[in-house]
PDB file of N, CA and C in Angstrom:
ATOM      1  N   MET A   1     -42.923   1.682 -21.383  1.00  0.00           N
ATOM      2  CA  MET A   1     -44.241   2.281 -21.355  1.00  0.00           C
ATOM      3  C   MET A   1     -44.672   2.633 -22.772  1.00  0.00           C
ATOM      4  N   GLU A   2     -45.949   2.541 -22.983  1.00  0.00           N
ATOM      5  CA  GLU A   2     -46.515   2.932 -24.259  1.00  0.00           C
ATOM      6  C   GLU A   2     -46.513   4.458 -24.367  1.00  0.00           C
ATOM      7  N   THR A   3     -46.614   4.947 -25.579  1.00  0.00           N
ATOM      8  CA  THR A   3     -46.610   6.394 -25.799  1.00  0.00           C
ATOM      9  C   THR A   3     -47.803   7.058 -25.126  1.00  0.00           C
ATOM     10  N   TRP A   4     -48.969   6.453 -25.209  1.00  0.00           N
ATOM     11  CA  TRP A   4     -50.154   7.053 -24.603  1.00  0.00           C
ATOM     12  C   TRP A   4     -50.023   7.103 -23.080  1.00  0.00           C
ATOM     13  N   GLU A   5     -49.350   6.128 -22.486  1.00  0.00           N
ATOM     14  CA  GLU A   5     -49.143   6.138 -21.035  1.00  0.00           C
ATOM     15  C   GLU A   5     -48.234   7.291 -20.618  1.00  0.00           C
ATOM     16  N   VAL A   6     -47.220   7.537 -21.408  1.00  0.00           N
ATOM     17  CA  VAL A   6     -46.320   8.656 -21.124  1.00  0.00           C
ATOM     18  C   VAL A   6     -47.072   9.977 -21.223  1.00  0.00           C
ATOM     19  N   VAL A   7     -47.889  10.123 -22.258  1.00  0.00           N
ATOM     20  CA  VAL A   7     -48.653  11.356 -22.455  1.00  0.00           C
ATOM     21  C   VAL A   7     -49.632  11.565 -21.303  1.00  0.00           C
ATOM     22  N   VAL A   8     -50.342  10.523 -20.910  1.00  0.00           N
ATOM     23  CA  VAL A   8     -51.302  10.630 -19.803  1.00  0.00           C
ATOM     24  C   VAL A   8     -50.567  10.971 -18.503  1.00  0.00           C
ATOM     25  N   THR A   9     -49.423  10.369 -18.273  1.00  0.00           N
ATOM     26  CA  THR A   9     -48.648  10.646 -17.069  1.00  0.00           C
ATOM     27  C   THR A   9     -48.184  12.097 -17.040  1.00  0.00           C
ATOM     28  N   VAL A  10     -47.647  12.580 -18.150  1.00  0.00           N
ATOM     29  CA  VAL A  10     -47.175  13.960 -18.210  1.00  0.00           C
ATOM     30  C   VAL A  10     -48.330  14.929 -18.024  1.00  0.00           C
ATOM     31  N   LEU A  11     -49.461  14.686 -18.671  1.00  0.00           N
ATOM     32  CA  LEU A  11     -50.620  15.564 -18.513  1.00  0.00           C
ATOM     33  C   LEU A  11     -51.142  15.546 -17.074  1.00  0.00           C
ATOM     34  N   GLY A  12     -51.194  14.375 -16.477  1.00  0.00           N
ATOM     35  CA  GLY A  12     -51.643  14.271 -15.089  1.00  0.00           C
ATOM     36  C   GLY A  12     -50.722  15.018 -14.139  1.00  0.00           C
ATOM     37  N   LEU A  13     -49.427  14.859 -14.318  1.00  0.00           N
ATOM     38  CA  LEU A  13     -48.474  15.581 -13.475  1.00  0.00           C
ATOM     39  C   LEU A  13     -48.559  17.088 -13.705  1.00  0.00           C
ATOM     40  N   THR A  14     -48.835  17.496 -14.939  1.00  0.00           N
ATOM     41  CA  THR A  14     -48.993  18.917 -15.232  1.00  0.00           C
ATOM     42  C   THR A  14     -50.197  19.488 -14.507  1.00  0.00           C
ATOM     43  N   VAL A  15     -51.319  18.796 -14.560  1.00  0.00           N
ATOM     44  CA  VAL A  15     -52.536  19.254 -13.882  1.00  0.00           C
ATOM     45  C   VAL A  15     -52.301  19.342 -12.374  1.00  0.00           C
ATOM     46  N   ILE A  16     -51.689  18.332 -11.800  1.00  0.00           N
ATOM     47  CA  ILE A  16     -51.420  18.334 -10.356  1.00  0.00           C
ATOM     48  C   ILE A  16     -50.500  19.493  -9.981  1.00  0.00           C
ATOM     49  N   THR A  17     -49.468  19.728 -10.780  1.00  0.00           N
ATOM     50  CA  THR A  17     -48.536  20.817 -10.497  1.00  0.00           C
ATOM     51  C   THR A  17     -49.218  22.168 -10.575  1.00  0.00           C
ATOM     52  N   VAL A  18     -50.018  22.389 -11.614  1.00  0.00           N
ATOM     53  CA  VAL A  18     -50.708  23.674 -11.765  1.00  0.00           C
ATOM     54  C   VAL A  18     -51.684  23.890 -10.607  1.00  0.00           C
ATOM     55  N   LEU A  19     -52.421  22.880 -10.239  1.00  0.00           N
ATOM     56  CA  LEU A  19     -53.384  23.019  -9.140  1.00  0.00           C
ATOM     57  C   LEU A  19     -52.701  23.307  -7.811  1.00  0.00           C
ATOM     58  N   THR A  20     -51.650  22.564  -7.503  1.00  0.00           N
ATOM     59  CA  THR A  20     -51.005  22.770  -6.201  1.00  0.00           C
ATOM     60  C   THR A  20     -50.278  24.103  -6.137  1.00  0.00           C
ATOM     61  N   ARG A  21     -49.702  24.555  -7.244  1.00  0.00           N
ATOM     62  CA  ARG A  21     -48.991  25.837  -7.230  1.00  0.00           C
ATOM     63  C   ARG A  21     -49.932  27.030  -7.288  1.00  0.00           C
ATOM     64  N   SER A  22     -51.125  26.857  -7.804  1.00  0.00           N
ATOM     65  CA  SER A  22     -52.057  27.979  -7.885  1.00  0.00           C
ATOM     66  C   SER A  22     -53.120  27.921  -6.792  1.00  0.00           C
ATOM     67  N   PHE A  23     -52.983  27.025  -5.845  1.00  0.00           N
ATOM     68  CA  PHE A  23     -53.981  26.838  -4.800  1.00  0.00           C
ATOM     69  C   PHE A  23     -54.277  28.131  -4.053  1.00  0.00           C
ATOM     70  N   PHE A  24     -53.247  28.926  -3.746  1.00  0.00           N
ATOM     71  CA  PHE A  24     -53.468  30.141  -2.972  1.00  0.00           C
ATOM     72  C   PHE A  24     -53.916  31.313  -3.838  1.00  0.00           C
ATOM     73  N   MET A  25     -53.879  31.152  -5.163  1.00  0.00           N
ATOM     74  CA  MET A  25     -54.320  32.235  -6.042  1.00  0.00           C
ATOM     75  C   MET A  25     -55.758  32.040  -6.518  1.00  0.00           C
ATOM     76  N   LEU A  26     -56.318  30.876  -6.348  1.00  0.00           N
ATOM     77  CA  LEU A  26     -57.668  30.606  -6.826  1.00  0.00           C
ATOM     78  C   LEU A  26     -58.762  31.321  -6.038  1.00  0.00           C
ATOM     79  N   PRO A  27     -58.713  31.393  -4.702  1.00  0.00           N
ATOM     80  CA  PRO A  27     -59.787  32.084  -3.971  1.00  0.00           C
ATOM     81  C   PRO A  27     -59.763  33.590  -4.261  1.00  0.00           C
ATOM     82  N   GLU A  28     -60.948  34.211  -4.179  1.00  0.00           N
ATOM     83  CA  GLU A  28     -61.037  35.643  -4.448  1.00  0.00           C
ATOM     84  C   GLU A  28     -60.527  36.485  -3.287  1.00  0.00           C
ATOM     85  N   ARG A  29     -60.579  35.960  -2.083  1.00  0.00           N
ATOM     86  CA  ARG A  29     -60.067  36.708  -0.937  1.00  0.00           C
ATOM     87  C   ARG A  29     -58.949  35.896  -0.277  1.00  0.00           C
ATOM     88  N   GLU A  30     -58.172  36.559   0.540  1.00  0.00           N
ATOM     89  CA  GLU A  30     -57.037  35.913   1.197  1.00  0.00           C
ATOM     90  C   GLU A  30     -57.514  34.870   2.203  1.00  0.00           C
ATOM     91  N   LEU A  31     -56.864  33.724   2.179  1.00  0.00           N
ATOM     92  CA  LEU A  31     -57.207  32.671   3.126  1.00  0.00           C
ATOM     93  C   LEU A  31     -56.600  32.989   4.487  1.00  0.00           C
ATOM     94  N   PRO A  32     -57.379  32.884   5.548  1.00  0.00           N
ATOM     95  CA  PRO A  32     -56.811  33.157   6.878  1.00  0.00           C
ATOM     96  C   PRO A  32     -55.899  32.009   7.316  1.00  0.00           C
ATOM     97  N   LEU A  33     -54.726  32.379   7.805  1.00  0.00           N
ATOM     98  CA  LEU A  33     -53.780  31.390   8.320  1.00  0.00           C
ATOM     99  C   LEU A  33     -53.647  31.588   9.823  1.00  0.00           C
ATOM    100  N   PRO A  34     -53.608  30.512  10.576  1.00  0.00           N
ATOM    101  CA  PRO A  34     -53.393  30.658  12.023  1.00  0.00           C
ATOM    102  C   PRO A  34     -52.028  31.308  12.290  1.00  0.00           C
ATOM    103  N   GLU A  35     -51.940  32.021  13.393  1.00  0.00           N
ATOM    104  CA  GLU A  35     -50.700  32.731  13.717  1.00  0.00           C
ATOM    105  C   GLU A  35     -49.521  31.779  13.879  1.00  0.00           C
ATOM    106  N   TRP A  36     -49.763  30.591  14.467  1.00  0.00           N
ATOM    107  CA  TRP A  36     -48.660  29.642  14.639  1.00  0.00           C
ATOM    108  C   TRP A  36     -48.118  29.181  13.300  1.00  0.00           C
ATOM    109  N   LEU A  37     -48.977  29.070  12.288  1.00  0.00           N
ATOM    110  CA  LEU A  37     -48.530  28.672  10.956  1.00  0.00           C
ATOM    111  C   LEU A  37     -47.744  29.802  10.286  1.00  0.00           C
ATOM    112  N   ARG A  38     -48.196  31.041  10.476  1.00  0.00           N
ATOM    113  CA  ARG A  38     -47.452  32.193   9.937  1.00  0.00           C
ATOM    114  C   ARG A  38     -46.044  32.256  10.523  1.00  0.00           C
ATOM    115  N   ARG A  39     -45.945  32.063  11.830  1.00  0.00           N
ATOM    116  CA  ARG A  39     -44.621  32.085  12.481  1.00  0.00           C
ATOM    117  C   ARG A  39     -43.750  30.961  11.951  1.00  0.00           C
ATOM    118  N   GLY A  40     -44.314  29.790  11.776  1.00  0.00           N
ATOM    119  CA  GLY A  40     -43.548  28.648  11.288  1.00  0.00           C
ATOM    120  C   GLY A  40     -43.088  28.815   9.860  1.00  0.00           C
ATOM    121  N   LEU A  41     -43.913  29.433   9.030  1.00  0.00           N
ATOM    122  CA  LEU A  41     -43.551  29.622   7.625  1.00  0.00           C
ATOM    123  C   LEU A  41     -42.419  30.625   7.438  1.00  0.00           C
ATOM    124  N   ARG A  42     -42.162  31.456   8.438  1.00  0.00           N
ATOM    125  CA  ARG A  42     -41.026  32.377   8.339  1.00  0.00           C
ATOM    126  C   ARG A  42     -39.707  31.623   8.308  1.00  0.00           C
ATOM    127  N   TYR A  43     -39.661  30.444   8.903  1.00  0.00           N
ATOM    128  CA  TYR A  43     -38.416  29.677   8.974  1.00  0.00           C
ATOM    129  C   TYR A  43     -38.285  28.656   7.852  1.00  0.00           C
ATOM    130  N   ALA A  44     -39.283  28.515   7.011  1.00  0.00           N
ATOM    131  CA  ALA A  44     -39.254  27.512   5.941  1.00  0.00           C
ATOM    132  C   ALA A  44     -38.111  27.724   4.953  1.00  0.00           C
ATOM    133  N   PRO A  45     -37.848  28.946   4.473  1.00  0.00           N
ATOM    134  CA  PRO A  45     -36.726  29.099   3.536  1.00  0.00           C
ATOM    135  C   PRO A  45     -35.382  28.733   4.156  1.00  0.00           C
ATOM    136  N   LEU A  46     -35.160  29.108   5.407  1.00  0.00           N
ATOM    137  CA  LEU A  46     -33.911  28.770   6.079  1.00  0.00           C
ATOM    138  C   LEU A  46     -33.784  27.262   6.270  1.00  0.00           C
ATOM    139  N   ALA A  47     -34.866  26.612   6.628  1.00  0.00           N
ATOM    140  CA  ALA A  47     -34.845  25.162   6.805  1.00  0.00           C
ATOM    141  C   ALA A  47     -34.569  24.453   5.481  1.00  0.00           C
ATOM    142  N   ALA A  48     -35.173  24.935   4.404  1.00  0.00           N
ATOM    143  CA  ALA A  48     -34.934  24.328   3.091  1.00  0.00           C
ATOM    144  C   ALA A  48     -33.492  24.528   2.656  1.00  0.00           C
ATOM    145  N   LEU A  49     -32.951  25.712   2.883  1.00  0.00           N
ATOM    146  CA  LEU A  49     -31.562  25.982   2.525  1.00  0.00           C
ATOM    147  C   LEU A  49     -30.617  25.089   3.316  1.00  0.00           C
ATOM    148  N   GLY A  50     -30.878  24.954   4.594  1.00  0.00           N
ATOM    149  CA  GLY A  50     -30.052  24.066   5.422  1.00  0.00           C
ATOM    150  C   GLY A  50     -30.143  22.613   4.989  1.00  0.00           C
ATOM    151  N   ALA A  51     -31.330  22.185   4.605  1.00  0.00           N
ATOM    152  CA  ALA A  51     -31.509  20.796   4.161  1.00  0.00           C
ATOM    153  C   ALA A  51     -30.781  20.517   2.859  1.00  0.00           C
ATOM    154  N   VAL A  52     -30.627  21.528   2.029  1.00  0.00           N
ATOM    155  CA  VAL A  52     -29.919  21.346   0.760  1.00  0.00           C
ATOM    156  C   VAL A  52     -28.414  21.455   0.960  1.00  0.00           C
ATOM    157  N   LEU A  53     -27.971  22.421   1.766  1.00  0.00           N
ATOM    158  CA  LEU A  53     -26.543  22.684   1.910  1.00  0.00           C
ATOM    159  C   LEU A  53     -25.817  21.713   2.838  1.00  0.00           C
ATOM    160  N   ALA A  54     -26.440  21.293   3.909  1.00  0.00           N
ATOM    161  CA  ALA A  54     -25.757  20.445   4.884  1.00  0.00           C
ATOM    162  C   ALA A  54     -25.192  19.162   4.263  1.00  0.00           C
ATOM    163  N   PRO A  55     -25.955  18.414   3.479  1.00  0.00           N
ATOM    164  CA  PRO A  55     -25.361  17.215   2.863  1.00  0.00           C
ATOM    165  C   PRO A  55     -24.226  17.554   1.891  1.00  0.00           C
ATOM    166  N   GLU A  56     -24.311  18.696   1.210  1.00  0.00           N
ATOM    167  CA  GLU A  56     -23.255  19.084   0.278  1.00  0.00           C
ATOM    168  C   GLU A  56     -21.955  19.387   1.001  1.00  0.00           C
ATOM    169  N   VAL A  57     -22.050  19.851   2.245  1.00  0.00           N
ATOM    170  CA  VAL A  57     -20.854  20.220   2.997  1.00  0.00           C
ATOM    171  C   VAL A  57     -20.219  19.006   3.660  1.00  0.00           C
ATOM    172  N   VAL A  58     -21.007  18.109   4.213  1.00  0.00           N
ATOM    173  CA  VAL A  58     -20.444  17.026   5.020  1.00  0.00           C
ATOM    174  C   VAL A  58     -20.390  15.676   4.314  1.00  0.00           C
ATOM    175  N   MET A  59     -20.825  15.594   3.050  1.00  0.00           N
ATOM    176  CA  MET A  59     -20.822  14.310   2.347  1.00  0.00           C
ATOM    177  C   MET A  59     -20.120  14.430   1.003  1.00  0.00           C
ATOM    178  N   ARG A  60     -19.529  13.319   0.584  1.00  0.00           N
ATOM    179  CA  ARG A  60     -18.932  13.224  -0.746  1.00  0.00           C
ATOM    180  C   ARG A  60     -19.237  11.829  -1.273  1.00  0.00           C
ATOM    181  N   ASN A  61     -19.797  11.766  -2.463  1.00  0.00           N
ATOM    182  CA  ASN A  61     -20.156  10.495  -3.104  1.00  0.00           C
ATOM    183  C   ASN A  61     -21.073   9.643  -2.233  1.00  0.00           C
ATOM    184  N   GLY A  62     -21.984  10.284  -1.537  1.00  0.00           N
ATOM    185  CA  GLY A  62     -22.977   9.566  -0.757  1.00  0.00           C
ATOM    186  C   GLY A  62     -22.516   9.077   0.598  1.00  0.00           C
ATOM    187  N   ALA A  63     -21.309   9.447   1.029  1.00  0.00           N
ATOM    188  CA  ALA A  63     -20.803   9.026   2.335  1.00  0.00           C
ATOM    189  C   ALA A  63     -20.232  10.243   3.052  1.00  0.00           C
ATOM    190  N   LEU A  64     -20.227  10.173   4.379  1.00  0.00           N
ATOM    191  CA  LEU A  64     -19.652  11.273   5.148  1.00  0.00           C
ATOM    192  C   LEU A  64     -18.178  11.425   4.815  1.00  0.00           C
ATOM    193  N   ILE A  65     -17.699  12.667   4.830  1.00  0.00           N
ATOM    194  CA  ILE A  65     -16.282  12.875   4.533  1.00  0.00           C
ATOM    195  C   ILE A  65     -15.448  12.261   5.650  1.00  0.00           C
ATOM    196  N   ALA A  66     -14.339  11.674   5.279  1.00  0.00           N
ATOM    197  CA  ALA A  66     -13.524  10.937   6.231  1.00  0.00           C
ATOM    198  C   ALA A  66     -12.320  11.735   6.708  1.00  0.00           C
ATOM    199  N   THR A  67     -12.068  12.893   6.116  1.00  0.00           N
ATOM    200  CA  THR A  67     -10.893  13.676   6.471  1.00  0.00           C
ATOM    201  C   THR A  67     -11.263  15.138   6.632  1.00  0.00           C
ATOM    202  N   LEU A  68     -10.475  15.836   7.420  1.00  0.00           N
ATOM    203  CA  LEU A  68     -10.698  17.263   7.575  1.00  0.00           C
ATOM    204  C   LEU A  68     -10.022  18.055   6.468  1.00  0.00           C
ATOM    205  N   ALA A  69      -9.251  17.390   5.619  1.00  0.00           N
ATOM    206  CA  ALA A  69      -8.587  18.038   4.490  1.00  0.00           C
ATOM    207  C   ALA A  69      -9.558  18.139   3.322  1.00  0.00           C
ATOM    208  N   ASP A  70     -10.636  18.808   3.554  1.00  0.00           N
ATOM    209  CA  ASP A  70     -11.658  19.031   2.533  1.00  0.00           C
ATOM    210  C   ASP A  70     -11.881  20.527   2.448  1.00  0.00           C
ATOM    211  N   ALA A  71     -11.784  21.089   1.269  1.00  0.00           N
ATOM    212  CA  ALA A  71     -11.842  22.535   1.089  1.00  0.00           C
ATOM    213  C   ALA A  71     -13.180  23.130   1.512  1.00  0.00           C
ATOM    214  N   ARG A  72     -14.217  22.320   1.547  1.00  0.00           N
ATOM    215  CA  ARG A  72     -15.529  22.859   1.886  1.00  0.00           C
ATOM    216  C   ARG A  72     -15.632  23.274   3.345  1.00  0.00           C
ATOM    217  N   LEU A  73     -14.955  22.555   4.231  1.00  0.00           N
ATOM    218  CA  LEU A  73     -15.059  22.861   5.659  1.00  0.00           C
ATOM    219  C   LEU A  73     -14.468  24.230   6.012  1.00  0.00           C
ATOM    220  N   PRO A  74     -13.217  24.544   5.620  1.00  0.00           N
ATOM    221  CA  PRO A  74     -12.725  25.892   5.910  1.00  0.00           C
ATOM    222  C   PRO A  74     -13.500  26.983   5.156  1.00  0.00           C
ATOM    223  N   ALA A  75     -14.005  26.663   3.974  1.00  0.00           N
ATOM    224  CA  ALA A  75     -14.786  27.650   3.222  1.00  0.00           C
ATOM    225  C   ALA A  75     -16.082  27.980   3.959  1.00  0.00           C
ATOM    226  N   VAL A  76     -16.738  26.977   4.499  1.00  0.00           N
ATOM    227  CA  VAL A  76     -17.964  27.220   5.267  1.00  0.00           C
ATOM    228  C   VAL A  76     -17.643  28.020   6.520  1.00  0.00           C
ATOM    229  N   ALA A  77     -16.536  27.693   7.192  1.00  0.00           N
ATOM    230  CA  ALA A  77     -16.146  28.441   8.399  1.00  0.00           C
ATOM    231  C   ALA A  77     -15.873  29.905   8.055  1.00  0.00           C
ATOM    232  N   ALA A  78     -15.165  30.162   6.951  1.00  0.00           N
ATOM    233  CA  ALA A  78     -14.876  31.541   6.552  1.00  0.00           C
ATOM    234  C   ALA A  78     -16.154  32.278   6.167  1.00  0.00           C
ATOM    235  N   ALA A  79     -17.039  31.616   5.449  1.00  0.00           N
ATOM    236  CA  ALA A  79     -18.297  32.244   5.056  1.00  0.00           C
ATOM    237  C   ALA A  79     -19.148  32.573   6.279  1.00  0.00           C
ATOM    238  N   MET A  80     -19.206  31.649   7.228  1.00  0.00           N
ATOM    239  CA  MET A  80     -19.984  31.906   8.442  1.00  0.00           C
ATOM    240  C   MET A  80     -19.383  33.048   9.246  1.00  0.00           C
ATOM    241  N   ALA A  81     -18.064  33.075   9.353  1.00  0.00           N
ATOM    242  CA  ALA A  81     -17.404  34.154  10.089  1.00  0.00           C
ATOM    243  C   ALA A  81     -17.704  35.507   9.450  1.00  0.00           C
ATOM    244  N   TYR A  82     -17.616  35.567   8.139  1.00  0.00           N
ATOM    245  CA  TYR A  82     -17.915  36.829   7.452  1.00  0.00           C
ATOM    246  C   TYR A  82     -19.369  37.223   7.665  1.00  0.00           C
ATOM    247  N   TYR A  83     -20.270  36.277   7.551  1.00  0.00           N
ATOM    248  CA  TYR A  83     -21.678  36.611   7.700  1.00  0.00           C
ATOM    249  C   TYR A  83     -21.973  37.155   9.099  1.00  0.00           C
ATOM    250  N   PHE A  84     -21.425  36.516  10.133  1.00  0.00           N
ATOM    251  CA  PHE A  84     -21.700  36.996  11.485  1.00  0.00           C
ATOM    252  C   PHE A  84     -21.001  38.322  11.762  1.00  0.00           C
ATOM    253  N   TRP A  85     -19.933  38.618  11.005  1.00  0.00           N
ATOM    254  CA  TRP A  85     -19.227  39.885  11.169  1.00  0.00           C
ATOM    255  C   TRP A  85     -19.952  41.030  10.463  1.00  0.00           C
ATOM    256  N   ARG A  86     -20.340  40.811   9.199  1.00  0.00           N
ATOM    257  CA  ARG A  86     -20.885  41.890   8.389  1.00  0.00           C
ATOM    258  C   ARG A  86     -22.361  41.727   8.007  1.00  0.00           C
ATOM    259  N   ARG A  87     -22.931  40.570   8.089  1.00  0.00           N
ATOM    260  CA  ARG A  87     -24.328  40.291   7.731  1.00  0.00           C
ATOM    261  C   ARG A  87     -24.637  40.574   6.269  1.00  0.00           C
ATOM    262  N   GLY A  88     -23.682  40.326   5.379  1.00  0.00           N
ATOM    263  CA  GLY A  88     -23.900  40.557   3.960  1.00  0.00           C
ATOM    264  C   GLY A  88     -23.839  39.256   3.178  1.00  0.00           C
ATOM    265  N   ILE A  89     -24.806  39.038   2.307  1.00  0.00           N
ATOM    266  CA  ILE A  89     -24.882  37.789   1.559  1.00  0.00           C
ATOM    267  C   ILE A  89     -23.784  37.708   0.497  1.00  0.00           C
ATOM    268  N   LEU A  90     -23.601  38.775  -0.278  1.00  0.00           N
ATOM    269  CA  LEU A  90     -22.590  38.753  -1.333  1.00  0.00           C
ATOM    270  C   LEU A  90     -21.196  38.553  -0.747  1.00  0.00           C
ATOM    271  N   GLY A  91     -20.871  39.253   0.315  1.00  0.00           N
ATOM    272  CA  GLY A  91     -19.577  39.083   0.970  1.00  0.00           C
ATOM    273  C   GLY A  91     -19.394  37.682   1.525  1.00  0.00           C
ATOM    274  N   THR A  92     -20.474  37.085   1.995  1.00  0.00           N
ATOM    275  CA  THR A  92     -20.413  35.717   2.506  1.00  0.00           C
ATOM    276  C   THR A  92     -20.018  34.753   1.394  1.00  0.00           C
ATOM    277  N   ILE A  93     -20.627  34.927   0.231  1.00  0.00           N
ATOM    278  CA  ILE A  93     -20.305  34.068  -0.910  1.00  0.00           C
ATOM    279  C   ILE A  93     -18.860  34.278  -1.348  1.00  0.00           C
ATOM    280  N   VAL A  94     -18.451  35.540  -1.423  1.00  0.00           N
ATOM    281  CA  VAL A  94     -17.080  35.852  -1.852  1.00  0.00           C
ATOM    282  C   VAL A  94     -16.070  35.295  -0.852  1.00  0.00           C
ATOM    283  N   ALA A  95     -16.325  35.456   0.438  1.00  0.00           N
ATOM    284  CA  ALA A  95     -15.403  34.953   1.461  1.00  0.00           C
ATOM    285  C   ALA A  95     -15.285  33.432   1.384  1.00  0.00           C
ATOM    286  N   GLY A  96     -16.404  32.751   1.242  1.00  0.00           N
ATOM    287  CA  GLY A  96     -16.363  31.289   1.144  1.00  0.00           C
ATOM    288  C   GLY A  96     -15.615  30.820  -0.093  1.00  0.00           C
ATOM    289  N   MET A  97     -15.874  31.453  -1.216  1.00  0.00           N
ATOM    290  CA  MET A  97     -15.192  31.059  -2.462  1.00  0.00           C
ATOM    291  C   MET A  97     -13.720  31.443  -2.441  1.00  0.00           C
ATOM    292  N   ALA A  98     -13.363  32.549  -1.766  1.00  0.00           N
ATOM    293  CA  ALA A  98     -11.960  32.961  -1.670  1.00  0.00           C
ATOM    294  C   ALA A  98     -11.140  31.942  -0.885  1.00  0.00           C
ATOM    295  N   VAL A  99     -11.778  31.224   0.012  1.00  0.00           N
ATOM    296  CA  VAL A  99     -11.079  30.164   0.752  1.00  0.00           C
ATOM    297  C   VAL A  99     -11.161  28.844  -0.005  1.00  0.00           C
ATOM    298  N   TYR A 100     -12.326  28.562  -0.570  1.00  0.00           N
ATOM    299  CA  TYR A 100     -12.544  27.276  -1.237  1.00  0.00           C
ATOM    300  C   TYR A 100     -11.667  27.090  -2.482  1.00  0.00           C
ATOM    301  N   LEU A 101     -11.667  28.066  -3.365  1.00  0.00           N
ATOM    302  CA  LEU A 101     -10.964  27.894  -4.642  1.00  0.00           C
ATOM    303  C   LEU A 101      -9.464  27.638  -4.505  1.00  0.00           C
ATOM    304  N   PRO A 102      -8.724  28.412  -3.697  1.00  0.00           N
ATOM    305  CA  PRO A 102      -7.289  28.091  -3.571  1.00  0.00           C
ATOM    306  C   PRO A 102      -7.044  26.705  -2.960  1.00  0.00           C
ATOM    307  N   LEU A 103      -7.853  26.332  -1.981  1.00  0.00           N
ATOM    308  CA  LEU A 103      -7.661  25.010  -1.367  1.00  0.00           C
ATOM    309  C   LEU A 103      -8.015  23.892  -2.339  1.00  0.00           C
ATOM    310  N   HIS A 104      -9.091  24.067  -3.058  1.00  0.00           N
ATOM    311  CA  HIS A 104      -9.554  23.006  -3.968  1.00  0.00           C
ATOM    312  C   HIS A 104      -8.682  22.914  -5.205  1.00  0.00           C
ATOM    313  N   LEU A 105      -8.427  24.054  -5.843  1.00  0.00           N
ATOM    314  CA  LEU A 105      -7.646  24.049  -7.074  1.00  0.00           C
ATOM    315  C   LEU A 105      -6.146  23.979  -6.810  1.00  0.00           C
ATOM    316  N   GLY A 106      -5.689  24.695  -5.784  1.00  0.00           N
ATOM    317  CA  GLY A 106      -4.256  24.743  -5.502  1.00  0.00           C
ATOM    318  C   GLY A 106      -3.723  23.516  -4.791  1.00  0.00           C
ATOM    319  N   LEU A 107      -4.413  23.095  -3.736  1.00  0.00           N
ATOM    320  CA  LEU A 107      -3.955  21.946  -2.939  1.00  0.00           C
ATOM    321  C   LEU A 107      -4.647  20.643  -3.308  1.00  0.00           C
ATOM    322  N   GLY A 108      -5.678  20.725  -4.097  1.00  0.00           N
ATOM    323  CA  GLY A 108      -6.393  19.515  -4.505  1.00  0.00           C
ATOM    324  C   GLY A 108      -7.264  18.906  -3.433  1.00  0.00           C
ATOM    325  N   TRP A 109      -7.661  19.707  -2.462  1.00  0.00           N
ATOM    326  CA  TRP A 109      -8.517  19.191  -1.392  1.00  0.00           C
ATOM    327  C   TRP A 109      -9.879  18.881  -1.910  1.00  0.00           C
TER     328      TRP A 109
END
């Protein structure tokens, strides 16, 4: 690509990004949202987190894991157990890592 094409592309993407991210801040008053959309948007962060984490847990190098000797599986089970027991985010992370690190570093899973 020519230099001017790169500059035009970057500027165009910048304008599009600024417009789409500031869309809800441009009007002077709050935009009314239907109740069904409000209810649905409550689950968006959880859905995004699941979409990011699920492939990381069940795939390695672009393919499904072929063995249960993978440190991520028991770590996820321990993290889930802790979360349902105590409902704490920090403890969930600590519990998952406390299982993951010894299995991954110690056993090479």
